[in-house]
Amino acid sequence: MPDWERETKRREREEERKRKEARLRAEEDNKTKAAERTQQAKALLKEIDETLVHALAVDHRIDWEAVKDRSPFPEAKPTPPGPKRKAPPPDPLRKPSPPERLPRPREPQATDSEFQPRFGLLERVMPSRRERLAAQARDSFKQAHQKWAIEIQEIEKKERLETAKYEQAIQKIEEQERVQKAEYEEGIKKIEEKERLQSEKYEKAVAKWETDRAAFLKPIDDLRSRYEARNSGAIVEYCRLVLSRSSYLEFFPQTFDLDYVPETGILIVDRSLPAPDKIPRLKEVRYVGSRHEFVEVTASEAEGNRRYDSVIYQICLRTIHELFQADAAGALRSVVFNGWVKSTDPATGKDVTGCVLSVHAEKEAFAAIDLRRVDPKACFKSLKGVGSSKLHSLAPVPPILTIDRHDRRFISGREVIAGVDDRVNLAAMDWEDFEHLIRELFEAEFASAGGEVKVTQASRDRGVDAVAFDPDPIRGGKIIIQAKRYTNPVGVSAVRDLYGTVVNEGATKGILVTTSDYGPDAYEFAKGKPLTLLTGGNLLSLLDKHGHKARIDLTEAKALLKEGGETD
């Protein structure tokens, strides 16, 4: 067999070996994934089956201090640059050394030997010759001294020039140092000014944050005081807070409505429950290698139905347990639980909502039950609960007790909107007529959903002006509406008051309507809260949407109100 053929076969065998190893690895990976999904599915079903048990080890009473946000201001205080971060002062410029004194030649002296005549024998005998030599010596000294004097003048001139040059250089350097120092000091002033502005901005932000937090915390303190005084509205809001903090799996709805009857100490709970198809049924995931696919194994219909019925009973018992256990004020004598399920009617294909179970639990009797050991269905039946034997059939039952939505503060509304046209200045309307106008307008807005809007007794721009009810038994909340017929911008205090009212009334949302506008602090406070601020422009647009015309002229309104002795 040729070498090339042997090499080809060797390579084919090697590639086949690698493919087989890859298939085995992929199969092991898929088996691992299937095992992980199975473990997750079993853990989820176990958590569903233990819906009631999970709540028994928790203290459901509201820790008022824990509810309050005590975290420090989220932004760090600006750090001054300090000596290490500020620009260092400029280093002194290098100055030239002063000119050194130039060396000077020795001044010739008449007594120097070189200027002394040397007399020989002739000069001793010839006076004239001696006199000539003496004159020559004097001339030589004179010339040497003159030359020395010229050299000294040149040296001194050169020194004067060097000194002048040195002094000019020093002056130039000192001027540069003065400029650098001035620039440095100006830079320091700018840094300090920037620090001052940053510090002022930070302090203002902290002050505003503290003010907003105090405004946020005040309703909590108010709620606590009213709850401890066993105020009916506060009891409802406290119980709403308890239930909203209870942790459920994501497919369990967390919507409910509450009402409290102070005369009997009964709390009525209308709670939404999951439909049967919302409860997971996956039990196991297998990987079939021969088909290279995952196979999901789900609970049988009977098992799924049993689990559904059990978890609905558990939610009912858990809700009652949480409310009784959290009743720090001792306001609840009993709880009526009505469980509502929203589903699709197979006959019509339309959404329907029905009460599938209802129970009235007395606090004393309920406290004697060991919820860790009960069968949820048997416990529900022992409490004389009403419901089909098969909750998954969603057979409706009449609630034992329903929420009374009557509020004595409500008064009969009167028609105002029909008389409004583009000649009417809303900002100059009678304030009571304005509140009824707002009621009619929002009645038209909520009419498509079957909503109802009621106006309260005359408030003169204080308290609750109107309340919108959503009749859906699951959502069941209320919306607080306040009307401000103002000619000046609405301040943040009005928005804070609305938020406090929303909290006190246990409402789901607050709407503030004005004929003017809002200050920046009002908009800032409303951020992240269930509040809607409608300006005069929004109000006109809403009227136009429902086929009504009007106008807002703040200048005209101010003059008219002033004439009538009214102000905002």
Protein backbone atom coordinates (compact mmCIF):
# COMPACT_ATOMS: atom_id res chain seq x y z
CA MET A 1 0.00 0.00 0.00
CA PRO A 2 1.50 3.33 -0.98
CA ASP A 3 2.50 5.70 1.80
CA TRP A 4 0.02 8.36 0.70
CA GLU A 5 -2.86 5.88 0.92
CA ARG A 6 -1.81 4.77 4.42
CA GLU A 7 -1.61 8.43 5.49
CA THR A 8 -5.09 9.15 4.10
CA LYS A 9 -6.63 6.23 6.01
CA ARG A 10 -4.84 7.28 9.18
CA ARG A 11 -6.28 10.77 8.89
CA GLU A 12 -9.80 9.40 8.28
CA ARG A 13 -9.56 7.22 11.38
CA GLU A 14 -8.36 10.21 13.44
CA GLU A 15 -11.20 12.43 12.21
CA GLU A 16 -13.77 9.69 12.96
CA ARG A 17 -12.34 9.33 16.46
CA LYS A 18 -12.66 13.11 17.07
CA ARG A 19 -16.26 13.16 15.77
CA LYS A 20 -17.19 10.31 18.10
CA GLU A 21 -15.61 12.08 21.09
CA ALA A 22 -17.46 15.30 20.18
CA ARG A 23 -20.79 13.39 20.02
CA LEU A 24 -20.14 11.82 23.41
CA ARG A 25 -19.25 15.19 24.94
CA ALA A 26 -22.37 16.83 23.47
CA GLU A 27 -24.52 13.98 24.76
CA GLU A 28 -23.05 14.31 28.26
CA ASP A 29 -23.56 18.09 28.17
CA ASN A 30 -27.20 17.66 27.13
CA LYS A 31 -27.77 15.09 29.87
CA THR A 32 -26.30 17.55 32.37
CA LYS A 33 -28.57 20.32 31.09
CA ALA A 34 -31.58 18.01 31.33
CA ALA A 35 -30.65 17.11 34.92
CA GLU A 36 -30.26 20.81 35.82
CA ARG A 37 -33.65 21.71 34.31
CA THR A 38 -35.22 18.76 36.15
CA GLN A 39 -33.72 19.95 39.42
CA GLN A 40 -35.01 23.49 38.80
CA ALA A 41 -38.49 22.19 37.94
CA LYS A 42 -38.66 20.05 41.09
CA ALA A 43 -37.43 22.96 43.23
CA LEU A 44 -40.12 25.21 41.73
CA LEU A 45 -42.89 22.68 42.35
CA LYS A 46 -41.62 22.18 45.90
CA GLU A 47 -41.74 25.94 46.49
CA ILE A 48 -45.30 26.05 45.12
CA ASP A 49 -46.31 23.18 47.38
CA GLU A 50 -44.83 25.04 50.37
CA THR A 51 -46.49 28.41 49.68
CA LEU A 52 -48.07 28.44 53.14
CA VAL A 53 -45.07 27.10 55.05
CA HIS A 54 -42.78 29.83 53.68
CA ALA A 55 -44.79 32.52 55.47
CA LEU A 56 -44.91 30.88 58.88
CA ALA A 57 -41.33 31.66 59.89
CA VAL A 58 -41.63 35.36 58.99
CA ASP A 59 -42.60 38.20 61.32
CA HIS A 60 -45.15 40.11 59.25
CA ARG A 61 -45.55 43.05 61.61
CA ILE A 62 -44.37 46.29 60.07
CA ASP A 63 -41.06 47.52 61.42
CA TRP A 64 -41.76 51.23 61.07
CA GLU A 65 -38.12 52.24 61.30
CA ALA A 66 -37.08 49.65 58.73
CA VAL A 67 -39.70 51.00 56.32
CA LYS A 68 -38.10 54.41 56.51
CA ASP A 69 -35.22 55.14 54.21
CA ARG A 70 -32.34 56.12 56.48
CA SER A 71 -29.64 55.83 53.87
CA PRO A 72 -27.26 58.78 53.60
CA PHE A 73 -27.31 61.21 50.71
CA PRO A 74 -26.28 59.11 47.70
CA GLU A 75 -23.66 61.53 46.38
CA ALA A 76 -20.28 61.94 48.04
CA LYS A 77 -19.37 65.37 49.35
CA PRO A 78 -17.01 67.18 46.98
CA THR A 79 -13.43 66.77 48.18
CA PRO A 80 -11.36 69.97 48.20
CA PRO A 81 -8.22 69.60 46.07
CA GLY A 82 -6.00 70.29 49.06
CA PRO A 83 -2.25 70.93 48.88
CA LYS A 84 -1.58 67.75 46.92
CA ARG A 85 -4.33 68.28 44.35
CA LYS A 86 -4.02 72.02 43.86
CA ALA A 87 -1.46 73.22 41.35
CA PRO A 88 1.84 73.82 43.21
CA PRO A 89 3.18 77.37 43.25
CA PRO A 90 5.69 78.06 40.50
CA ASP A 91 9.33 77.41 41.32
CA PRO A 92 11.58 80.49 41.43
CA LEU A 93 13.23 81.06 38.09
CA ARG A 94 16.90 80.39 37.85
CA LYS A 95 18.76 83.67 38.17
CA PRO A 96 22.19 84.25 36.69
CA SER A 97 25.07 84.72 39.02
CA PRO A 98 26.24 88.29 39.44
CA PRO A 99 29.28 89.13 37.28
CA GLU A 100 32.57 88.55 39.02
CA ARG A 101 35.12 91.32 39.37
CA LEU A 102 37.55 91.02 36.50
CA PRO A 103 41.21 90.62 37.37
CA ARG A 104 43.17 93.86 37.18
CA PRO A 105 46.77 94.28 36.14
CA ARG A 106 49.23 95.53 38.72
CA GLU A 107 49.65 99.27 38.77
CA PRO A 108 53.20 100.16 37.70
CA GLN A 109 55.28 101.89 40.37
CA ALA A 110 58.07 104.37 39.73
CA THR A 111 60.21 102.41 42.13
CA ASP A 112 59.83 99.21 40.10
CA SER A 113 63.19 97.90 39.02
CA GLU A 114 62.23 97.98 35.35
CA PHE A 115 61.81 101.76 35.60
CA GLN A 116 65.15 102.33 37.36
CA PRO A 117 68.00 103.63 35.10
CA ARG A 118 71.10 101.52 35.08
CA PHE A 119 74.26 103.58 35.18
CA GLY A 120 77.50 102.26 33.92
CA LEU A 121 81.03 103.72 34.04
CA LEU A 122 80.31 106.22 31.30
CA GLU A 123 77.23 107.51 33.05
CA ARG A 124 79.26 108.07 36.19
CA VAL A 125 81.73 110.30 34.34
CA MET A 126 79.22 111.87 31.96
CA PRO A 127 76.39 113.65 33.78
CA SER A 128 74.49 114.34 30.55
CA ARG A 129 74.36 110.66 29.69
CA ARG A 130 73.18 109.84 33.17
CA GLU A 131 70.43 112.45 32.90
CA ARG A 132 69.30 111.03 29.54
CA LEU A 133 69.00 107.52 30.95
CA ALA A 134 67.04 108.83 33.91
CA ALA A 135 64.67 110.70 31.55
CA GLN A 136 64.18 107.51 29.48
CA ALA A 137 63.31 105.56 32.64
CA ARG A 138 60.76 108.18 33.66
CA ASP A 139 59.21 108.14 30.13
CA SER A 140 59.01 104.34 30.21
CA PHE A 141 57.23 104.43 33.59
CA LYS A 142 54.85 107.12 32.35
CA GLN A 143 53.93 105.07 29.24
CA ALA A 144 53.48 101.93 31.29
CA HIS A 145 51.27 103.77 33.76
CA GLN A 146 49.18 105.29 30.95
CA LYS A 147 48.75 101.86 29.38
CA TRP A 148 47.74 100.45 32.78
CA ALA A 149 45.20 103.28 33.25
CA ILE A 150 43.65 102.52 29.80
CA GLU A 151 43.42 98.82 30.65
CA ILE A 152 41.74 99.65 33.96
CA GLN A 153 39.21 101.86 32.13
CA GLU A 154 38.46 99.02 29.65
CA ILE A 155 38.03 96.53 32.47
CA GLU A 156 35.75 98.86 34.44
CA LYS A 157 33.73 99.57 31.28
CA LYS A 158 33.35 95.88 30.62
CA GLU A 159 32.30 95.32 34.26
CA ARG A 160 29.71 98.11 33.99
CA LEU A 161 28.28 96.53 30.84
CA GLU A 162 28.14 93.08 32.47
CA THR A 163 26.52 94.57 35.58
CA ALA A 164 23.90 96.39 33.49
CA LYS A 165 23.24 93.19 31.55
CA TYR A 166 22.93 91.24 34.81
CA GLU A 167 20.54 93.80 36.31
CA GLN A 168 18.36 93.73 33.17
CA ALA A 169 18.24 89.93 33.32
CA ILE A 170 17.28 90.06 37.02
CA GLN A 171 14.53 92.60 36.30
CA LYS A 172 13.18 90.43 33.47
CA ILE A 173 13.19 87.33 35.70
CA GLU A 174 11.52 89.19 38.57
CA GLU A 175 8.82 90.41 36.16
CA GLN A 176 8.25 86.83 34.93
CA GLU A 177 8.03 85.67 38.54
CA ARG A 178 5.47 88.39 39.28
CA VAL A 179 3.38 87.30 36.25
CA GLN A 180 3.62 83.62 37.23
CA LYS A 181 2.67 84.41 40.82
CA ALA A 182 -0.33 86.46 39.66
CA GLU A 183 -1.43 83.63 37.34
CA TYR A 184 -0.99 81.10 40.15
CA GLU A 185 -3.00 83.19 42.62
CA GLU A 186 -5.71 83.70 39.98
CA GLY A 187 -5.79 79.93 39.40
CA ILE A 188 -6.13 79.31 43.13
CA LYS A 189 -8.99 81.81 43.30
CA LYS A 190 -10.77 79.99 40.45
CA ILE A 191 -10.29 76.64 42.17
CA GLU A 192 -11.56 78.03 45.47
CA GLU A 193 -14.54 79.63 43.69
CA LYS A 194 -15.31 76.33 41.98
CA GLU A 195 -15.04 74.55 45.35
CA ARG A 196 -17.39 77.09 46.88
CA LEU A 197 -19.96 76.69 44.10
CA GLN A 198 -19.69 72.88 44.27
CA SER A 199 -20.10 72.99 48.04
CA GLU A 200 -23.12 75.30 47.79
CA LYS A 201 -24.69 73.07 45.11
CA TYR A 202 -24.03 69.99 47.24
CA GLU A 203 -25.47 71.57 50.38
CA LYS A 204 -28.59 72.67 48.47
CA ALA A 205 -28.99 69.16 47.04
CA VAL A 206 -28.60 67.64 50.52
CA ALA A 207 -31.12 70.09 51.98
CA LYS A 208 -33.63 69.35 49.21
CA TRP A 209 -33.04 65.61 49.61
CA GLU A 210 -33.60 65.85 53.34
CA THR A 211 -36.75 67.92 52.80
CA ASP A 212 -38.11 65.42 50.27
CA ARG A 213 -37.25 62.50 52.52
CA ALA A 214 -38.91 64.19 55.48
CA ALA A 215 -41.97 64.72 53.31
CA PHE A 216 -41.83 61.04 52.35
CA LEU A 217 -41.33 59.89 55.94
CA LYS A 218 -44.09 62.09 57.37
CA PRO A 219 -46.90 59.98 55.90
CA ILE A 220 -45.23 56.90 57.43
CA ASP A 221 -45.18 58.53 60.86
CA ASP A 222 -48.74 59.75 60.33
CA LEU A 223 -49.84 56.28 59.29
CA ARG A 224 -48.17 54.75 62.34
CA SER A 225 -49.87 57.24 64.69
CA ARG A 226 -53.26 56.73 63.09
CA TYR A 227 -52.82 52.96 62.98
CA GLU A 228 -51.89 52.80 66.66
CA ALA A 229 -54.98 54.93 67.33
CA ARG A 230 -56.91 52.28 65.32
CA ASN A 231 -58.10 54.68 62.66
CA SER A 232 -60.12 52.72 60.08
CA GLY A 233 -58.34 54.11 57.02
CA ALA A 234 -54.95 53.54 58.64
CA ILE A 235 -55.82 49.93 59.48
CA VAL A 236 -56.68 49.28 55.81
CA GLU A 237 -53.45 50.91 54.65
CA TYR A 238 -51.38 49.03 57.23
CA CYS A 239 -52.87 45.70 56.15
CA ARG A 240 -52.28 46.65 52.50
CA LEU A 241 -48.63 47.31 53.36
CA VAL A 242 -48.37 43.94 55.12
CA LEU A 243 -49.72 42.03 52.13
CA SER A 244 -47.70 44.01 49.57
CA ARG A 245 -44.47 43.07 51.41
CA SER A 246 -45.29 39.35 51.30
CA SER A 247 -43.03 37.52 48.83
CA TYR A 248 -44.64 35.25 46.25
CA LEU A 249 -43.45 33.59 43.05
CA GLU A 250 -43.67 35.83 40.01
CA PHE A 251 -46.71 34.08 38.47
CA PHE A 252 -48.85 34.76 41.57
CA PRO A 253 -50.80 38.04 41.16
CA GLN A 254 -50.25 40.54 43.94
CA THR A 255 -53.40 42.62 43.56
CA PHE A 256 -56.00 42.94 46.26
CA ASP A 257 -58.54 45.32 47.74
CA LEU A 258 -59.28 45.77 51.44
CA ASP A 259 -62.03 47.21 53.56
CA TYR A 260 -62.39 47.44 57.34
CA VAL A 261 -65.61 47.49 59.34
CA PRO A 262 -64.73 49.24 62.64
CA GLU A 263 -67.98 48.30 64.36
CA THR A 264 -67.24 44.57 64.04
CA GLY A 265 -63.46 44.56 63.58
CA ILE A 266 -63.83 42.63 60.30
CA LEU A 267 -61.25 43.09 57.54
CA ILE A 268 -62.53 42.14 54.08
CA VAL A 269 -59.92 41.00 51.57
CA ASP A 270 -60.71 40.70 47.86
CA ARG A 271 -57.60 39.02 46.44
CA SER A 272 -56.77 38.02 42.88
CA LEU A 273 -55.62 34.41 42.45
CA PRO A 274 -53.78 32.75 39.56
CA ALA A 275 -55.74 30.90 36.89
CA PRO A 276 -55.02 27.15 36.62
CA ASP A 277 -52.95 27.56 33.46
CA LYS A 278 -50.55 29.89 35.32
CA ILE A 279 -49.27 27.16 37.66
CA PRO A 280 -46.22 25.35 36.19
CA ARG A 281 -46.60 21.62 35.57
CA LEU A 282 -43.11 20.69 34.38
CA LYS A 283 -41.74 17.79 36.47
CA GLU A 284 -38.76 16.44 34.57
CA VAL A 285 -36.62 17.01 31.48
CA ARG A 286 -35.00 14.04 29.75
CA TYR A 287 -32.47 13.97 26.93
CA VAL A 288 -33.07 11.23 24.34
CA GLY A 289 -29.76 10.61 22.63
CA SER A 290 -31.16 8.51 19.82
CA ARG A 291 -33.38 11.42 18.74
CA HIS A 292 -31.03 14.20 19.84
CA GLU A 293 -33.85 16.07 21.58
CA PHE A 294 -35.10 17.08 25.02
CA VAL A 295 -38.37 15.62 26.24
CA GLU A 296 -40.40 17.42 28.89
CA VAL A 297 -42.42 15.38 31.37
CA THR A 298 -45.32 17.29 32.92
CA ALA A 299 -47.65 16.49 35.78
CA SER A 300 -50.84 14.72 34.86
CA GLU A 301 -54.02 16.74 34.69
CA ALA A 302 -55.20 15.20 37.95
CA GLU A 303 -51.92 16.00 39.71
CA GLY A 304 -51.94 19.54 38.29
CA ASN A 305 -55.49 20.10 39.46
CA ARG A 306 -54.67 18.83 42.95
CA ARG A 307 -51.67 21.14 43.13
CA TYR A 308 -53.73 24.10 41.92
CA ASP A 309 -56.48 23.52 44.49
CA SER A 310 -53.89 23.10 47.24
CA VAL A 311 -52.00 26.29 46.44
CA ILE A 312 -55.25 28.33 46.27
CA TYR A 313 -56.21 27.08 49.74
CA GLN A 314 -52.66 27.85 50.92
CA ILE A 315 -52.79 31.43 49.60
CA CYS A 316 -56.09 31.92 51.42
CA LEU A 317 -54.73 30.59 54.73
CA ARG A 318 -51.43 32.39 54.31
CA THR A 319 -53.13 35.74 53.70
CA ILE A 320 -55.27 35.36 56.82
CA HIS A 321 -52.22 34.24 58.86
CA GLU A 322 -50.14 37.23 57.73
CA LEU A 323 -52.87 39.71 58.60
CA PHE A 324 -53.57 38.25 62.05
CA GLN A 325 -49.85 37.84 62.85
CA ALA A 326 -49.14 41.46 61.83
CA ASP A 327 -52.09 42.88 63.81
CA ALA A 328 -49.95 44.82 66.30
CA ALA A 329 -52.81 47.19 67.17
CA GLY A 330 -55.23 44.35 67.90
CA ALA A 331 -57.75 45.85 65.49
CA LEU A 332 -58.76 42.66 63.66
CA ARG A 333 -61.33 40.38 65.22
CA SER A 334 -61.84 38.43 62.03
CA VAL A 335 -60.91 38.36 58.34
CA VAL A 336 -63.14 37.64 55.36
CA PHE A 337 -61.13 36.35 52.41
CA ASN A 338 -62.66 36.39 48.93
CA GLY A 339 -60.51 34.81 46.24
CA TRP A 340 -61.10 36.02 42.66
CA VAL A 341 -59.77 34.40 39.49
CA LYS A 342 -59.65 36.07 36.09
CA SER A 343 -59.86 33.53 33.27
CA THR A 344 -61.19 33.03 29.76
CA ASP A 345 -64.70 31.66 29.32
CA PRO A 346 -64.27 28.74 26.90
CA ALA A 347 -67.82 29.24 25.64
CA THR A 348 -67.48 32.92 24.71
CA GLY A 349 -63.73 33.49 24.62
CA LYS A 350 -64.18 36.55 26.82
CA ASP A 351 -62.40 37.36 30.05
CA VAL A 352 -64.48 36.59 33.12
CA THR A 353 -63.79 37.18 36.80
CA GLY A 354 -65.37 35.09 39.50
CA CYS A 355 -65.06 34.50 43.22
CA VAL A 356 -63.96 30.84 43.60
CA LEU A 357 -63.72 30.66 47.38
CA SER A 358 -64.72 32.72 50.42
CA VAL A 359 -64.11 32.21 54.12
CA HIS A 360 -64.73 34.11 57.37
CA ALA A 361 -61.98 33.37 59.93
CA GLU A 362 -62.23 34.44 63.56
CA LYS A 363 -58.89 35.49 65.03
CA GLU A 364 -59.14 33.45 68.21
CA ALA A 365 -60.15 30.25 66.42
CA PHE A 366 -57.54 30.74 63.71
CA ALA A 367 -54.78 31.20 66.29
CA ALA A 368 -55.46 27.71 67.62
CA ILE A 369 -54.62 26.11 64.24
CA ASP A 370 -51.13 24.62 63.67
CA LEU A 371 -50.67 25.67 60.07
CA ARG A 372 -47.45 23.68 59.71
CA ARG A 373 -49.30 20.40 60.02
CA VAL A 374 -52.70 21.02 58.44
CA ASP A 375 -54.09 19.85 55.13
CA PRO A 376 -54.96 23.22 53.49
CA LYS A 377 -58.27 22.02 52.04
CA ALA A 378 -59.39 20.34 55.26
CA CYS A 379 -58.40 23.45 57.26
CA PHE A 380 -60.38 25.69 54.88
CA LYS A 381 -63.43 23.43 55.22
CA SER A 382 -63.12 23.43 59.03
CA LEU A 383 -63.34 27.22 58.93
CA LYS A 384 -66.70 26.83 57.14
CA GLY A 385 -65.21 28.19 53.95
CA VAL A 386 -67.37 28.36 50.82
CA GLY A 387 -66.02 27.02 47.55
CA SER A 388 -66.39 24.30 44.96
CA SER A 389 -64.91 20.92 45.85
CA LYS A 390 -62.82 21.38 42.69
CA LEU A 391 -61.43 24.88 42.70
CA HIS A 392 -59.75 24.30 39.34
CA SER A 393 -63.22 24.20 37.78
CA LEU A 394 -63.49 27.92 38.67
CA ALA A 395 -67.12 27.50 39.68
CA PRO A 396 -68.15 30.89 41.14
CA VAL A 397 -69.49 31.22 44.67
CA PRO A 398 -71.11 34.22 46.38
CA PRO A 399 -68.66 36.06 48.70
CA ILE A 400 -69.51 35.77 52.38
CA LEU A 401 -69.09 39.54 52.75
CA THR A 402 -68.34 42.15 50.08
CA ILE A 403 -66.55 45.48 50.27
CA ASP A 404 -68.83 48.46 50.85
CA ARG A 405 -67.61 51.29 48.67
CA HIS A 406 -69.94 53.90 50.16
CA ASP A 407 -68.18 56.91 51.64
CA ARG A 408 -70.26 59.34 53.73
CA ARG A 409 -68.15 62.20 52.52
CA PHE A 410 -69.60 61.80 49.03
CA ILE A 411 -72.29 64.18 47.89
CA SER A 412 -74.51 64.22 44.85
CA GLY A 413 -72.83 65.63 41.81
CA ARG A 414 -74.40 68.30 39.65
CA GLU A 415 -73.98 68.94 35.95
CA VAL A 416 -71.63 71.78 35.17
CA ILE A 417 -69.77 70.72 32.07
CA ALA A 418 -72.78 71.16 29.75
CA GLY A 419 -72.70 74.90 30.36
CA VAL A 420 -68.99 75.24 29.58
CA ASP A 421 -67.94 76.68 26.22
CA ASP A 422 -65.08 78.75 24.85
CA ARG A 423 -66.46 81.85 26.57
CA VAL A 424 -65.89 80.33 30.02
CA ASN A 425 -62.60 81.13 31.70
CA LEU A 426 -61.93 78.06 33.85
CA ALA A 427 -59.46 79.97 36.05
CA ALA A 428 -62.26 82.34 37.13
CA MET A 429 -64.97 79.69 37.76
CA ASP A 430 -66.63 79.26 41.13
CA TRP A 431 -64.30 76.86 42.93
CA GLU A 432 -67.12 74.45 43.83
CA ASP A 433 -68.35 74.40 40.22
CA PHE A 434 -64.78 73.72 39.16
CA GLU A 435 -64.63 70.61 41.37
CA HIS A 436 -67.89 69.29 39.90
CA LEU A 437 -66.52 70.00 36.41
CA ILE A 438 -63.49 67.88 37.20
CA ARG A 439 -65.75 65.07 38.48
CA GLU A 440 -67.81 65.09 35.27
CA LEU A 441 -64.69 65.20 33.12
CA PHE A 442 -63.09 62.22 34.83
CA GLU A 443 -66.38 60.33 34.80
CA ALA A 444 -66.28 60.65 31.02
CA GLU A 445 -62.63 59.57 31.01
CA PHE A 446 -63.26 56.46 33.16
CA ALA A 447 -66.64 55.58 31.63
CA SER A 448 -65.18 53.12 29.10
CA ALA A 449 -63.82 50.98 31.96
CA GLY A 450 -67.04 51.20 33.97
CA GLY A 451 -65.45 53.57 36.46
CA GLU A 452 -67.26 55.79 38.90
CA VAL A 453 -66.24 59.24 40.14
CA LYS A 454 -67.73 60.90 43.22
CA VAL A 455 -67.15 64.39 44.55
CA THR A 456 -66.72 64.96 48.29
CA GLN A 457 -68.24 67.66 50.42
CA ALA A 458 -67.04 71.18 49.70
CA SER A 459 -63.34 71.31 50.39
CA ARG A 460 -62.34 74.77 49.25
CA ASP A 461 -59.14 73.38 47.71
CA ARG A 462 -58.32 71.26 50.73
CA GLY A 463 -58.40 67.48 51.25
CA VAL A 464 -60.06 65.03 48.86
CA ASP A 465 -62.06 66.73 46.09
CA ALA A 466 -63.11 63.60 44.20
CA VAL A 467 -62.52 59.85 44.25
CA ALA A 468 -62.51 57.59 41.18
CA PHE A 469 -63.35 53.91 41.75
CA ASP A 470 -62.36 51.06 39.50
CA PRO A 471 -65.20 48.53 39.79
CA ASP A 472 -63.01 45.58 38.82
CA PRO A 473 -63.02 43.31 41.93
CA ILE A 474 -59.37 42.40 41.37
CA ARG A 475 -57.89 45.82 40.80
CA GLY A 476 -60.48 47.44 43.01
CA GLY A 477 -58.39 50.48 43.99
CA LYS A 478 -59.34 54.10 44.12
CA ILE A 479 -57.81 57.22 42.63
CA ILE A 480 -57.70 60.47 44.57
CA ILE A 481 -58.40 63.54 42.41
CA GLN A 482 -57.76 67.05 43.68
CA ALA A 483 -58.72 70.19 41.75
CA LYS A 484 -56.86 73.47 42.18
CA ARG A 485 -58.46 76.44 40.45
CA TYR A 486 -55.31 78.55 40.69
CA THR A 487 -53.97 81.57 38.86
CA ASN A 488 -50.45 81.13 40.24
CA PRO A 489 -48.15 78.10 39.92
CA VAL A 490 -49.01 75.27 42.33
CA GLY A 491 -46.26 74.79 44.92
CA VAL A 492 -44.68 71.60 46.16
CA SER A 493 -46.71 71.70 49.39
CA ALA A 494 -49.92 70.91 47.48
CA VAL A 495 -48.23 67.93 45.82
CA ARG A 496 -46.97 66.70 49.20
CA ASP A 497 -50.48 67.03 50.62
CA LEU A 498 -51.86 64.97 47.74
CA TYR A 499 -49.27 62.26 48.31
CA GLY A 500 -50.13 62.17 52.01
CA THR A 501 -53.81 61.86 51.12
CA VAL A 502 -53.07 59.00 48.71
CA VAL A 503 -51.23 57.18 51.49
CA ASN A 504 -53.86 57.94 54.13
CA GLU A 505 -56.75 56.89 51.89
CA GLY A 506 -55.02 53.70 50.78
CA ALA A 507 -55.40 54.82 47.17
CA THR A 508 -53.45 53.46 44.23
CA LYS A 509 -52.85 56.82 42.57
CA GLY A 510 -53.31 60.57 42.94
CA ILE A 511 -54.16 63.12 40.24
CA LEU A 512 -53.76 66.88 40.75
CA VAL A 513 -55.52 69.14 38.24
CA THR A 514 -54.94 72.88 38.06
CA THR A 515 -55.80 75.74 35.76
CA SER A 516 -52.24 77.06 36.01
CA ASP A 517 -48.95 75.14 36.16
CA TYR A 518 -46.53 73.68 38.74
CA GLY A 519 -43.23 74.86 40.14
CA PRO A 520 -40.05 72.83 39.47
CA ASP A 521 -40.02 71.53 43.06
CA ALA A 522 -43.52 70.12 42.57
CA TYR A 523 -42.45 68.17 39.49
CA GLU A 524 -39.30 66.97 41.23
CA PHE A 525 -41.23 65.72 44.27
CA ALA A 526 -43.74 63.83 42.08
CA LYS A 527 -40.98 61.82 40.37
CA GLY A 528 -41.15 58.11 41.17
CA LYS A 529 -44.45 58.44 43.06
CA PRO A 530 -47.95 57.36 41.97
CA LEU A 531 -48.86 60.97 41.20
CA THR A 532 -49.99 62.67 37.97
CA LEU A 533 -49.82 66.46 37.61
CA LEU A 534 -52.18 67.96 35.00
CA THR A 535 -51.67 71.58 33.97
CA GLY A 536 -54.18 74.01 32.54
CA GLY A 537 -53.07 72.97 29.06
CA ASN A 538 -53.66 69.29 29.90
CA LEU A 539 -57.09 70.18 31.28
CA LEU A 540 -58.12 71.97 28.07
CA SER A 541 -56.87 69.02 25.99
CA LEU A 542 -58.89 66.59 28.13
CA LEU A 543 -62.01 68.72 27.73
CA ASP A 544 -61.46 68.88 23.99
CA LYS A 545 -61.05 65.08 23.89
CA HIS A 546 -64.56 64.72 25.30
CA GLY A 547 -66.10 67.33 23.01
CA HIS A 548 -66.04 70.43 25.23
CA LYS A 549 -64.46 73.81 24.66
CA ALA A 550 -63.22 76.26 27.26
CA ARG A 551 -60.40 78.71 27.80
CA ILE A 552 -57.94 79.71 30.53
CA ASP A 553 -56.87 83.34 30.89
CA LEU A 554 -54.90 83.73 34.12
CA THR A 555 -54.48 87.51 33.85
CA GLU A 556 -58.21 88.03 33.41
CA ALA A 557 -58.97 85.56 36.20
CA LYS A 558 -56.64 87.36 38.62
CA ALA A 559 -58.41 90.64 37.98
CA LEU A 560 -61.88 89.08 38.37
CA LEU A 561 -60.95 87.23 41.55
CA LYS A 562 -59.39 90.38 43.00
CA GLU A 563 -62.60 92.29 42.36
CA GLY A 564 -64.53 89.58 44.18
CA GLY A 565 -62.06 89.56 47.09
CA GLU A 566 -60.82 86.05 46.29
CA THR A 567 -57.30 84.71 46.03
CA ASP A 568 -55.75 81.33 45.24
